[in-house]
Amino acid sequence: MPSPTTLPMKLQTPDPVYFKLNFDGSVCSGRAVAGFLIINSDGDVIHAEVSYLGFTSISIAECTTLRNHLLAAKRLNISCRG
């Protein structure tokens, strides 16, 4: 069995005055986890959360973490600007 390889990951930062929201969900053997982070234009993590969702589908995991992500942005007074 080959040894695992670790690759560095760098998130692309948003333009100044914007925030970037990244989220993902995962299911293994029916058990779901989900997480998200919010970064500013300097690449600083403003907020991050991980949740165990129990037995559910990947669609529910993804939708749940998107909802939680948007609620966290609202709590932090991060709003959409058009």
Protein backbone atom coordinates (compact mmCIF):
# COMPACT_ATOMS: atom_id res chain seq x y z
CA MET A 1 0.00 0.00 0.00
CA PRO A 2 1.48 3.40 -0.94
CA SER A 3 2.04 5.92 1.81
CA PRO A 4 -0.36 8.87 1.92
CA THR A 5 0.82 12.13 0.43
CA THR A 6 0.05 15.49 2.00
CA LEU A 7 -0.38 18.38 -0.37
CA PRO A 8 -0.47 21.98 0.83
CA MET A 9 -3.75 23.77 0.21
CA LYS A 10 -4.15 27.51 -0.15
CA LEU A 11 -7.51 29.18 -0.41
CA GLN A 12 -7.89 31.99 -2.88
CA THR A 13 -8.79 35.09 -0.91
CA PRO A 14 -11.67 37.36 -1.91
CA ASP A 15 -11.30 40.96 -3.04
CA PRO A 16 -11.02 43.58 -0.27
CA VAL A 17 -14.29 44.34 1.58
CA TYR A 18 -15.61 40.83 0.74
CA PHE A 19 -15.66 37.55 2.61
CA LYS A 20 -15.33 34.04 1.23
CA LEU A 21 -17.55 31.24 2.51
CA ASN A 22 -16.40 27.65 1.97
CA PHE A 23 -18.40 24.62 3.05
CA ASP A 24 -18.47 20.86 2.56
CA GLY A 25 -20.33 17.81 3.78
CA SER A 26 -19.25 14.19 3.80
CA VAL A 27 -20.97 10.86 4.43
CA CYS A 28 -19.24 7.58 5.25
CA SER A 29 -21.21 4.45 6.16
CA GLY A 30 -24.29 6.63 6.48
CA ARG A 31 -22.74 8.95 9.08
CA ALA A 32 -22.49 12.56 8.03
CA VAL A 33 -20.21 15.43 9.01
CA ALA A 34 -20.19 18.95 7.67
CA GLY A 35 -18.09 22.04 8.11
CA PHE A 36 -17.51 25.53 6.88
CA LEU A 37 -15.23 28.51 7.23
CA ILE A 38 -15.42 32.21 6.53
CA ILE A 39 -12.27 34.07 5.50
CA ASN A 40 -11.58 37.74 4.88
CA SER A 41 -9.52 39.35 2.12
CA ASP A 42 -6.33 38.92 4.19
CA GLY A 43 -6.91 35.16 4.36
CA ASP A 44 -7.73 35.29 8.08
CA VAL A 45 -10.29 32.76 9.29
CA ILE A 46 -13.18 34.77 10.73
CA HIS A 47 -15.29 31.79 11.75
CA ALA A 48 -15.21 28.01 11.36
CA GLU A 49 -17.53 25.21 12.46
CA VAL A 50 -17.69 21.42 12.14
CA SER A 51 -20.80 19.39 12.94
CA TYR A 52 -21.63 15.72 13.29
CA LEU A 53 -25.02 15.24 11.65
CA GLY A 54 -25.67 11.59 12.45
CA PHE A 55 -27.13 9.20 9.90
CA THR A 56 -28.23 11.12 6.81
CA SER A 57 -27.60 11.59 3.09
CA ILE A 58 -24.95 13.72 1.40
CA SER A 59 -27.69 16.07 0.10
CA ILE A 60 -28.92 16.73 3.63
CA ALA A 61 -25.34 17.17 4.89
CA GLU A 62 -24.54 19.72 2.17
CA CYS A 63 -27.81 21.63 2.61
CA THR A 64 -27.50 21.65 6.40
CA THR A 65 -23.99 23.07 6.34
CA LEU A 66 -24.99 25.71 3.77
CA ARG A 67 -27.86 26.78 6.03
CA ASN A 68 -25.58 26.85 9.09
CA HIS A 69 -23.00 28.82 7.11
CA LEU A 70 -25.50 31.48 6.10
CA LEU A 71 -26.87 31.73 9.66
CA ALA A 72 -23.33 32.21 11.01
CA ALA A 73 -22.67 34.95 8.43
CA LYS A 74 -25.89 36.67 9.53
CA ARG A 75 -24.88 36.41 13.23
CA LEU A 76 -21.52 37.98 12.33
CA ASN A 77 -23.27 40.80 10.43
CA ILE A 78 -21.74 39.70 7.13
CA SER A 79 -24.19 40.78 4.47
CA CYS A 80 -24.51 40.62 0.71
CA ARG A 81 -23.74 43.79 -1.17
CA GLY A 82 -25.00 44.36 -4.65
